[in-house]
C-alpha atoms as a PDB file:
ATOM      1  CA  GLN A   1     -10.901 -24.842  22.300  1.00  0.00           C
ATOM      2  CA  VAL A   2     -11.155 -27.804  19.992  1.00  0.00           C
ATOM      3  CA  GLN A   3      -8.001 -28.685  18.179  1.00  0.00           C
ATOM      4  CA  LEU A   4      -7.154 -31.473  15.792  1.00  0.00           C
ATOM      5  CA  VAL A   5      -3.453 -31.814  15.192  1.00  0.00           C
ATOM      6  CA  GLU A   6      -2.285 -34.030  12.376  1.00  0.00           C
ATOM      7  CA  SER A   7       1.100 -35.442  11.607  1.00  0.00           C
ATOM      8  CA  GLY A   8       2.731 -38.102   9.516  1.00  0.00           C
ATOM      9  CA  GLY A   9       2.226 -36.903   5.980  1.00  0.00           C
ATOM     10  CA  GLY A  10       5.032 -36.898   3.515  1.00  0.00           C
ATOM     11  CA  LEU A  11       6.464 -38.248   0.313  1.00  0.00           C
ATOM     12  CA  VAL A  12       6.860 -41.964  -0.255  1.00  0.00           C
ATOM     13  CA  GLN A  13       7.401 -44.270  -3.165  1.00  0.00           C
ATOM     14  CA  ALA A  14       4.698 -46.560  -4.440  1.00  0.00           C
ATOM     15  CA  GLY A  15       4.443 -49.621  -2.258  1.00  0.00           C
ATOM     16  CA  GLY A  16       5.657 -47.765   0.780  1.00  0.00           C
ATOM     17  CA  SER A  17       3.894 -46.930   3.998  1.00  0.00           C
ATOM     18  CA  LEU A  18       2.926 -43.937   6.043  1.00  0.00           C
ATOM     19  CA  ARG A  19       1.218 -43.579   9.371  1.00  0.00           C
ATOM     20  CA  LEU A  20      -0.923 -40.536   9.952  1.00  0.00           C
ATOM     21  CA  SER A  21      -1.846 -39.355  13.407  1.00  0.00           C
ATOM     22  CA  CYS A  22      -4.526 -36.983  14.577  1.00  0.00           C
ATOM     23  CA  ALA A  23      -4.771 -35.853  18.167  1.00  0.00           C
ATOM     24  CA  ALA A  24      -8.018 -34.253  19.246  1.00  0.00           C
ATOM     25  CA  SER A  25      -8.209 -31.950  22.223  1.00  0.00           C
ATOM     26  CA  GLY A  26     -10.988 -29.926  23.750  1.00  0.00           C
ATOM     27  CA  ILE A  27     -13.665 -32.463  22.893  1.00  0.00           C
ATOM     28  CA  ILE A  28     -15.562 -33.842  25.838  1.00  0.00           C
ATOM     29  CA  ARG A  29     -17.162 -36.707  24.001  1.00  0.00           C
ATOM     30  CA  ILE A  30     -16.160 -37.989  20.609  1.00  0.00           C
ATOM     31  CA  ASN A  31     -18.776 -39.924  18.711  1.00  0.00           C
ATOM     32  CA  SER A  32     -16.662 -40.741  15.721  1.00  0.00           C
ATOM     33  CA  MET A  33     -13.437 -39.838  14.028  1.00  0.00           C
ATOM     34  CA  ALA A  34     -12.522 -40.232  10.424  1.00  0.00           C
ATOM     35  CA  TRP A  35     -10.008 -39.610   7.728  1.00  0.00           C
ATOM     36  CA  TYR A  36     -10.945 -37.878   4.517  1.00  0.00           C
ATOM     37  CA  ARG A  37      -8.875 -37.017   1.521  1.00  0.00           C
ATOM     38  CA  GLN A  38      -9.187 -34.569  -1.299  1.00  0.00           C
ATOM     39  CA  ALA A  39      -7.121 -34.525  -4.435  1.00  0.00           C
ATOM     40  CA  PRO A  40      -6.931 -31.509  -6.729  1.00  0.00           C
ATOM     41  CA  GLY A  41     -10.062 -31.153  -8.809  1.00  0.00           C
ATOM     42  CA  LYS A  42     -11.915 -33.829  -6.878  1.00  0.00           C
ATOM     43  CA  GLN A  43     -14.480 -33.857  -4.129  1.00  0.00           C
ATOM     44  CA  ARG A  44     -13.514 -34.730  -0.623  1.00  0.00           C
ATOM     45  CA  GLU A  45     -13.667 -38.464  -0.096  1.00  0.00           C
ATOM     46  CA  LEU A  46     -14.315 -40.367   3.086  1.00  0.00           C
ATOM     47  CA  VAL A  47     -11.458 -42.795   3.545  1.00  0.00           C
ATOM     48  CA  ALA A  48     -12.050 -44.441   6.899  1.00  0.00           C
ATOM     49  CA  THR A  49     -14.204 -43.996   9.973  1.00  0.00           C
ATOM     50  CA  ILE A  50     -13.944 -45.318  13.485  1.00  0.00           C
ATOM     51  CA  PHE A  51     -16.811 -45.181  15.950  1.00  0.00           C
ATOM     52  CA  ASN A  52     -16.937 -45.308  19.729  1.00  0.00           C
ATOM     53  CA  GLY A  53     -17.614 -49.003  19.804  1.00  0.00           C
ATOM     54  CA  GLY A  54     -14.597 -49.679  17.642  1.00  0.00           C
ATOM     55  CA  MET A  55     -16.496 -50.352  14.460  1.00  0.00           C
ATOM     56  CA  THR A  56     -14.686 -49.182  11.380  1.00  0.00           C
ATOM     57  CA  ASN A  57     -15.607 -48.444   7.823  1.00  0.00           C
ATOM     58  CA  TYR A  58     -13.384 -48.067   4.797  1.00  0.00           C
ATOM     59  CA  ALA A  59     -13.694 -46.822   1.304  1.00  0.00           C
ATOM     60  CA  ASP A  60     -13.430 -49.625  -1.202  1.00  0.00           C
ATOM     61  CA  SER A  61     -10.360 -48.053  -2.706  1.00  0.00           C
ATOM     62  CA  VAL A  62      -8.343 -48.500   0.484  1.00  0.00           C
ATOM     63  CA  LYS A  63      -9.715 -51.722   1.940  1.00  0.00           C
ATOM     64  CA  GLY A  64      -6.977 -54.138   2.779  1.00  0.00           C
ATOM     65  CA  ARG A  65      -4.331 -51.450   2.611  1.00  0.00           C
ATOM     66  CA  PHE A  66      -5.337 -48.835   5.165  1.00  0.00           C
ATOM     67  CA  THR A  67      -6.144 -49.349   8.819  1.00  0.00           C
ATOM     68  CA  ILE A  68      -7.774 -46.822  11.094  1.00  0.00           C
ATOM     69  CA  SER A  69      -7.338 -47.135  14.826  1.00  0.00           C
ATOM     70  CA  ARG A  70      -7.842 -45.054  17.927  1.00  0.00           C
ATOM     71  CA  ASP A  71      -6.171 -44.517  21.234  1.00  0.00           C
ATOM     72  CA  ASN A  72      -9.166 -43.647  23.371  1.00  0.00           C
ATOM     73  CA  ALA A  73      -7.102 -42.447  26.301  1.00  0.00           C
ATOM     74  CA  LYS A  74      -5.426 -39.839  24.150  1.00  0.00           C
ATOM     75  CA  ASN A  75      -8.302 -39.094  21.780  1.00  0.00           C
ATOM     76  CA  THR A  76      -5.974 -39.847  18.941  1.00  0.00           C
ATOM     77  CA  ILE A  77      -6.626 -41.700  15.732  1.00  0.00           C
ATOM     78  CA  PHE A  78      -4.188 -43.197  13.333  1.00  0.00           C
ATOM     79  CA  LEU A  79      -4.273 -44.150   9.712  1.00  0.00           C
ATOM     80  CA  GLN A  80      -1.787 -46.817   8.810  1.00  0.00           C
ATOM     81  CA  MET A  81      -1.356 -46.700   5.071  1.00  0.00           C
ATOM     82  CA  ASP A  82       0.392 -49.618   3.455  1.00  0.00           C
ATOM     83  CA  SER A  83       0.975 -50.555  -0.156  1.00  0.00           C
ATOM     84  CA  LEU A  84       0.540 -46.969  -1.156  1.00  0.00           C
ATOM     85  CA  LYS A  85      -0.319 -46.172  -4.728  1.00  0.00           C
ATOM     86  CA  PRO A  86       0.154 -42.976  -6.705  1.00  0.00           C
ATOM     87  CA  GLU A  87      -3.611 -42.549  -6.741  1.00  0.00           C
ATOM     88  CA  ASP A  88      -3.507 -42.241  -2.961  1.00  0.00           C
ATOM     89  CA  THR A  89      -1.807 -38.903  -3.414  1.00  0.00           C
ATOM     90  CA  SER A  90      -4.026 -36.362  -1.750  1.00  0.00           C
ATOM     91  CA  VAL A  91      -4.438 -34.015   1.141  1.00  0.00           C
ATOM     92  CA  TYR A  92      -5.665 -36.055   4.061  1.00  0.00           C
ATOM     93  CA  TYR A  93      -7.950 -34.475   6.624  1.00  0.00           C
ATOM     94  CA  CYS A  94      -8.809 -35.620  10.092  1.00  0.00           C
ATOM     95  CA  ASN A  95     -12.392 -35.215  11.210  1.00  0.00           C
ATOM     96  CA  ALA A  96     -14.037 -35.599  14.574  1.00  0.00           C
ATOM     97  CA  VAL A  97     -17.685 -35.456  15.496  1.00  0.00           C
ATOM     98  CA  GLY A  98     -18.415 -34.814  19.115  1.00  0.00           C
ATOM     99  CA  SER A  99     -19.395 -32.460  21.854  1.00  0.00           C
ATOM    100  CA  SER A 100     -17.370 -29.716  23.442  1.00  0.00           C
ATOM    101  CA  ARG A 101     -18.148 -27.164  26.098  1.00  0.00           C
ATOM    102  CA  TRP A 102     -19.305 -24.854  23.337  1.00  0.00           C
ATOM    103  CA  SER A 103     -21.428 -27.075  21.151  1.00  0.00           C
ATOM    104  CA  LEU A 104     -22.999 -30.484  20.812  1.00  0.00           C
ATOM    105  CA  ASN A 105     -22.399 -32.957  18.039  1.00  0.00           C
ATOM    106  CA  SER A 106     -20.311 -30.618  15.977  1.00  0.00           C
ATOM    107  CA  SER A 107     -17.916 -31.576  13.247  1.00  0.00           C
ATOM    108  CA  TYR A 108     -14.299 -30.536  13.528  1.00  0.00           C
ATOM    109  CA  TRP A 109     -11.529 -30.676  10.985  1.00  0.00           C
ATOM    110  CA  GLY A 110      -7.812 -30.822  11.043  1.00  0.00           C
ATOM    111  CA  GLN A 111      -5.685 -28.635   8.844  1.00  0.00           C
ATOM    112  CA  GLY A 112      -4.890 -31.365   6.365  1.00  0.00           C
ATOM    113  CA  THR A 113      -1.636 -33.096   5.647  1.00  0.00           C
ATOM    114  CA  GLN A 114      -0.176 -33.799   2.242  1.00  0.00           C
ATOM    115  CA  VAL A 115       0.509 -37.356   1.207  1.00  0.00           C
ATOM    116  CA  THR A 116       2.372 -37.798  -2.032  1.00  0.00           C
ATOM    117  CA  VAL A 117       3.101 -41.194  -3.518  1.00  0.00           C
ATOM    118  CA  SER A 118       5.577 -41.304  -6.342  1.00  0.00           C
ATOM    119  CA  SER A 119       5.819 -43.974  -9.006  1.00  0.00           C
END
């Protein structure tokens, strides 16, 4: 069974920091993991991606403020969010693309965690 367990969301003031974690289990091989976010009334937005080789990609809106990283041994990714802005308020979703015993190159999602940044 594939499971993505997220943690770290919460309420912070503008300028503060949060660190999101996402632990993936049941995936034999992970090709990439990413963080998305979706605010009310908006489409889901890709925030940051990390690939097997360590290459990362960020949305322009978070460059210089957010950092995605991965603990390969634990199949866990992190999103360090610094200098948070009210516009960062969103539900953040963890995503993993990989293979399990049941399927190949499937996309899996976490349950989402709320991040709220107050002014």
